[in-house]
């Protein structure tokens, strides 16, 4: 997947040329990839949007190198509709970082995106049923 900032994605259009109705990540807009001159020495995050399998929800994720793995933060997600937003239920810390078991953190971008996809679908299932894992 190209990270070219000129490839602007429109939320909800599947991004990156995937067939219609198929969940996918898309490249972030040039604005999301803009350099923050105050943080020029910090690792840059890769921003991706994910459309859920049912096509009804869009998530925004930041993938940031953090030592020997990639940290995943959820920057935007659907509301929980009154469900408990505790990290125990959502596996999402108040900082937006997704909780991943120590030693199971993703070591490459592809695996990080897989885990973000899995988390997003889990989040929607919890939102729908109220049953946490």
C-alpha atoms as a PDB file:
ATOM      1  CA  UNK A   1       0.000   0.000   0.000  1.00  0.00           C
ATOM      2  CA  UNK A   2       1.406   3.374  -0.976  1.00  0.00           C
ATOM      3  CA  UNK A   3       1.862   6.020   1.670  1.00  0.00           C
ATOM      4  CA  UNK A   4       1.956   8.780  -0.929  1.00  0.00           C
ATOM      5  CA  UNK A   5       0.178  11.752   0.738  1.00  0.00           C
ATOM      6  CA  UNK A   6      -1.245  12.764  -2.641  1.00  0.00           C
ATOM      7  CA  UNK A   7      -3.502   9.701  -2.492  1.00  0.00           C
ATOM      8  CA  UNK A   8      -6.343  11.159  -0.543  1.00  0.00           C
ATOM      9  CA  UNK A   9      -8.967   8.742   0.630  1.00  0.00           C
ATOM     10  CA  UNK A  10     -12.571   9.570   1.170  1.00  0.00           C
ATOM     11  CA  UNK A  11     -13.957   8.028   4.324  1.00  0.00           C
ATOM     12  CA  UNK A  12     -16.284   5.226   3.429  1.00  0.00           C
ATOM     13  CA  UNK A  13     -15.086   4.510  -0.103  1.00  0.00           C
ATOM     14  CA  UNK A  14     -13.090   1.399   0.732  1.00  0.00           C
ATOM     15  CA  UNK A  15      -9.710   2.986  -0.058  1.00  0.00           C
ATOM     16  CA  UNK A  16      -6.709   1.335  -1.721  1.00  0.00           C
ATOM     17  CA  UNK A  17      -8.680  -0.102  -4.600  1.00  0.00           C
ATOM     18  CA  UNK A  18     -10.345  -2.948  -2.701  1.00  0.00           C
ATOM     19  CA  UNK A  19     -13.535  -4.450  -4.118  1.00  0.00           C
ATOM     20  CA  UNK A  20     -16.715  -2.780  -2.938  1.00  0.00           C
ATOM     21  CA  UNK A  21     -18.025  -4.088   0.357  1.00  0.00           C
ATOM     22  CA  UNK A  22     -14.680  -5.600   1.374  1.00  0.00           C
ATOM     23  CA  UNK A  23     -13.080  -4.216   4.534  1.00  0.00           C
ATOM     24  CA  UNK A  24      -9.831  -2.434   3.875  1.00  0.00           C
ATOM     25  CA  UNK A  25      -7.392   0.194   5.046  1.00  0.00           C
ATOM     26  CA  UNK A  26      -6.853   3.320   2.999  1.00  0.00           C
ATOM     27  CA  UNK A  27      -4.077   5.879   2.874  1.00  0.00           C
ATOM     28  CA  UNK A  28      -4.640   8.932   5.028  1.00  0.00           C
ATOM     29  CA  UNK A  29      -5.053  12.401   3.616  1.00  0.00           C
ATOM     30  CA  UNK A  30      -2.083  14.697   3.127  1.00  0.00           C
ATOM     31  CA  UNK A  31      -3.246  16.669   6.149  1.00  0.00           C
ATOM     32  CA  UNK A  32      -3.050  13.572   8.392  1.00  0.00           C
ATOM     33  CA  UNK A  33       0.479  12.845   7.132  1.00  0.00           C
ATOM     34  CA  UNK A  34       1.726  16.414   7.480  1.00  0.00           C
ATOM     35  CA  UNK A  35       4.994  16.844   9.356  1.00  0.00           C
ATOM     36  CA  UNK A  36       4.612  18.271  12.830  1.00  0.00           C
ATOM     37  CA  UNK A  37       7.733  20.430  13.095  1.00  0.00           C
ATOM     38  CA  UNK A  38       7.585  20.410  16.896  1.00  0.00           C
ATOM     39  CA  UNK A  39       7.962  16.624  16.915  1.00  0.00           C
ATOM     40  CA  UNK A  40      10.394  16.192  14.021  1.00  0.00           C
ATOM     41  CA  UNK A  41      12.602  13.745  15.953  1.00  0.00           C
ATOM     42  CA  UNK A  42       9.790  11.479  17.090  1.00  0.00           C
ATOM     43  CA  UNK A  43       8.898   8.446  14.938  1.00  0.00           C
ATOM     44  CA  UNK A  44       6.191   9.327  12.432  1.00  0.00           C
ATOM     45  CA  UNK A  45       2.904   7.557  12.657  1.00  0.00           C
ATOM     46  CA  UNK A  46       1.237   5.919   9.698  1.00  0.00           C
ATOM     47  CA  UNK A  47      -2.467   6.818   9.627  1.00  0.00           C
ATOM     48  CA  UNK A  48      -5.002   4.379   8.183  1.00  0.00           C
ATOM     49  CA  UNK A  49      -8.795   4.261   8.000  1.00  0.00           C
ATOM     50  CA  UNK A  50     -10.627   0.952   8.335  1.00  0.00           C
ATOM     51  CA  UNK A  51     -14.179   0.269   7.165  1.00  0.00           C
ATOM     52  CA  UNK A  52     -15.886  -2.532   9.100  1.00  0.00           C
ATOM     53  CA  UNK A  53     -16.927  -5.803   7.470  1.00  0.00           C
ATOM     54  CA  UNK A  54     -20.583  -4.750   7.497  1.00  0.00           C
ATOM     55  CA  UNK A  55     -19.654  -1.380   5.979  1.00  0.00           C
ATOM     56  CA  UNK A  56     -21.430   0.612   8.694  1.00  0.00           C
ATOM     57  CA  UNK A  57     -18.469   1.863  10.729  1.00  0.00           C
ATOM     58  CA  UNK A  58     -15.180   3.621  10.049  1.00  0.00           C
ATOM     59  CA  UNK A  59     -12.179   3.613  12.366  1.00  0.00           C
ATOM     60  CA  UNK A  60      -9.052   5.770  12.210  1.00  0.00           C
ATOM     61  CA  UNK A  61      -5.788   4.251  13.440  1.00  0.00           C
ATOM     62  CA  UNK A  62      -2.247   5.509  14.000  1.00  0.00           C
ATOM     63  CA  UNK A  63       0.598   3.003  13.770  1.00  0.00           C
ATOM     64  CA  UNK A  64       3.783   4.260  15.446  1.00  0.00           C
ATOM     65  CA  UNK A  65       7.171   2.551  15.797  1.00  0.00           C
ATOM     66  CA  UNK A  66       7.853   1.979  19.499  1.00  0.00           C
ATOM     67  CA  UNK A  67      11.128   0.182  20.132  1.00  0.00           C
ATOM     68  CA  UNK A  68      10.951  -3.281  18.560  1.00  0.00           C
ATOM     69  CA  UNK A  69       7.228  -3.199  17.802  1.00  0.00           C
ATOM     70  CA  UNK A  70       4.480  -0.981  16.402  1.00  0.00           C
ATOM     71  CA  UNK A  71       2.039   0.703  18.795  1.00  0.00           C
ATOM     72  CA  UNK A  72      -1.558   0.943  17.596  1.00  0.00           C
ATOM     73  CA  UNK A  73      -3.772   3.856  18.620  1.00  0.00           C
ATOM     74  CA  UNK A  74      -7.405   4.302  17.687  1.00  0.00           C
ATOM     75  CA  UNK A  75      -7.953   7.967  16.839  1.00  0.00           C
ATOM     76  CA  UNK A  76     -11.603   7.743  15.812  1.00  0.00           C
ATOM     77  CA  UNK A  77     -14.292   5.112  16.301  1.00  0.00           C
ATOM     78  CA  UNK A  78     -18.058   4.775  16.651  1.00  0.00           C
ATOM     79  CA  UNK A  79     -19.647   5.641  19.980  1.00  0.00           C
ATOM     80  CA  UNK A  80     -20.423   2.837  22.427  1.00  0.00           C
ATOM     81  CA  UNK A  81     -24.103   3.735  22.796  1.00  0.00           C
ATOM     82  CA  UNK A  82     -24.051   3.632  26.596  1.00  0.00           C
ATOM     83  CA  UNK A  83     -21.857   0.544  26.991  1.00  0.00           C
ATOM     84  CA  UNK A  84     -19.083   0.531  29.621  1.00  0.00           C
ATOM     85  CA  UNK A  85     -15.982   2.098  28.044  1.00  0.00           C
ATOM     86  CA  UNK A  86     -13.576   0.556  30.560  1.00  0.00           C
ATOM     87  CA  UNK A  87     -10.345  -0.871  29.090  1.00  0.00           C
ATOM     88  CA  UNK A  88     -11.349  -4.188  30.693  1.00  0.00           C
ATOM     89  CA  UNK A  89     -14.249  -4.372  28.221  1.00  0.00           C
ATOM     90  CA  UNK A  90     -13.009  -2.399  25.228  1.00  0.00           C
ATOM     91  CA  UNK A  91      -9.279  -3.239  25.284  1.00  0.00           C
ATOM     92  CA  UNK A  92      -8.770   0.469  24.591  1.00  0.00           C
ATOM     93  CA  UNK A  93      -6.842   2.713  26.987  1.00  0.00           C
ATOM     94  CA  UNK A  94      -7.954   6.341  27.534  1.00  0.00           C
ATOM     95  CA  UNK A  95      -4.908   7.415  25.471  1.00  0.00           C
ATOM     96  CA  UNK A  96      -6.393   5.598  22.472  1.00  0.00           C
ATOM     97  CA  UNK A  97      -3.772   2.848  22.560  1.00  0.00           C
ATOM     98  CA  UNK A  98      -5.143  -0.628  21.899  1.00  0.00           C
ATOM     99  CA  UNK A  99      -4.305  -3.182  24.576  1.00  0.00           C
ATOM    100  CA  UNK A 100      -2.206  -6.018  23.187  1.00  0.00           C
ATOM    101  CA  UNK A 101      -0.690  -8.746  25.365  1.00  0.00           C
ATOM    102  CA  UNK A 102       2.970  -8.229  26.247  1.00  0.00           C
ATOM    103  CA  UNK A 103       5.135 -10.210  23.869  1.00  0.00           C
ATOM    104  CA  UNK A 104       2.359 -10.333  21.224  1.00  0.00           C
ATOM    105  CA  UNK A 105       2.859  -6.790  19.906  1.00  0.00           C
ATOM    106  CA  UNK A 106       3.090  -6.480  16.117  1.00  0.00           C
ATOM    107  CA  UNK A 107       6.608  -6.276  14.709  1.00  0.00           C
ATOM    108  CA  UNK A 108       5.621  -5.123  11.207  1.00  0.00           C
ATOM    109  CA  UNK A 109       2.992  -2.905   9.581  1.00  0.00           C
ATOM    110  CA  UNK A 110       1.030  -5.769   8.016  1.00  0.00           C
ATOM    111  CA  UNK A 111       0.554  -7.527  11.374  1.00  0.00           C
ATOM    112  CA  UNK A 112      -0.308  -4.221  13.074  1.00  0.00           C
ATOM    113  CA  UNK A 113      -3.087  -3.622  10.542  1.00  0.00           C
ATOM    114  CA  UNK A 114      -4.386  -7.187  11.038  1.00  0.00           C
ATOM    115  CA  UNK A 115      -4.594  -6.629  14.793  1.00  0.00           C
ATOM    116  CA  UNK A 116      -6.309  -3.258  14.329  1.00  0.00           C
ATOM    117  CA  UNK A 117      -8.891  -4.922  12.040  1.00  0.00           C
ATOM    118  CA  UNK A 118      -9.521  -7.689  14.576  1.00  0.00           C
ATOM    119  CA  UNK A 119      -9.856  -5.162  17.383  1.00  0.00           C
ATOM    120  CA  UNK A 120     -12.295  -3.019  15.380  1.00  0.00           C
ATOM    121  CA  UNK A 121     -14.561  -5.994  14.673  1.00  0.00           C
ATOM    122  CA  UNK A 122     -14.347  -7.062  18.345  1.00  0.00           C
ATOM    123  CA  UNK A 123     -15.227  -3.497  19.414  1.00  0.00           C
ATOM    124  CA  UNK A 124     -18.324  -3.517  17.191  1.00  0.00           C
ATOM    125  CA  UNK A 125     -19.366  -6.928  18.531  1.00  0.00           C
ATOM    126  CA  UNK A 126     -19.046  -5.655  22.115  1.00  0.00           C
ATOM    127  CA  UNK A 127     -21.007  -2.534  21.166  1.00  0.00           C
ATOM    128  CA  UNK A 128     -23.771  -4.667  19.630  1.00  0.00           C
ATOM    129  CA  UNK A 129     -24.028  -7.426  22.255  1.00  0.00           C
ATOM    130  CA  UNK A 130     -22.511  -6.017  25.458  1.00  0.00           C
ATOM    131  CA  UNK A 131     -20.414  -9.188  25.789  1.00  0.00           C
ATOM    132  CA  UNK A 132     -16.707  -8.560  26.286  1.00  0.00           C
ATOM    133  CA  UNK A 133     -13.859 -10.994  25.768  1.00  0.00           C
END
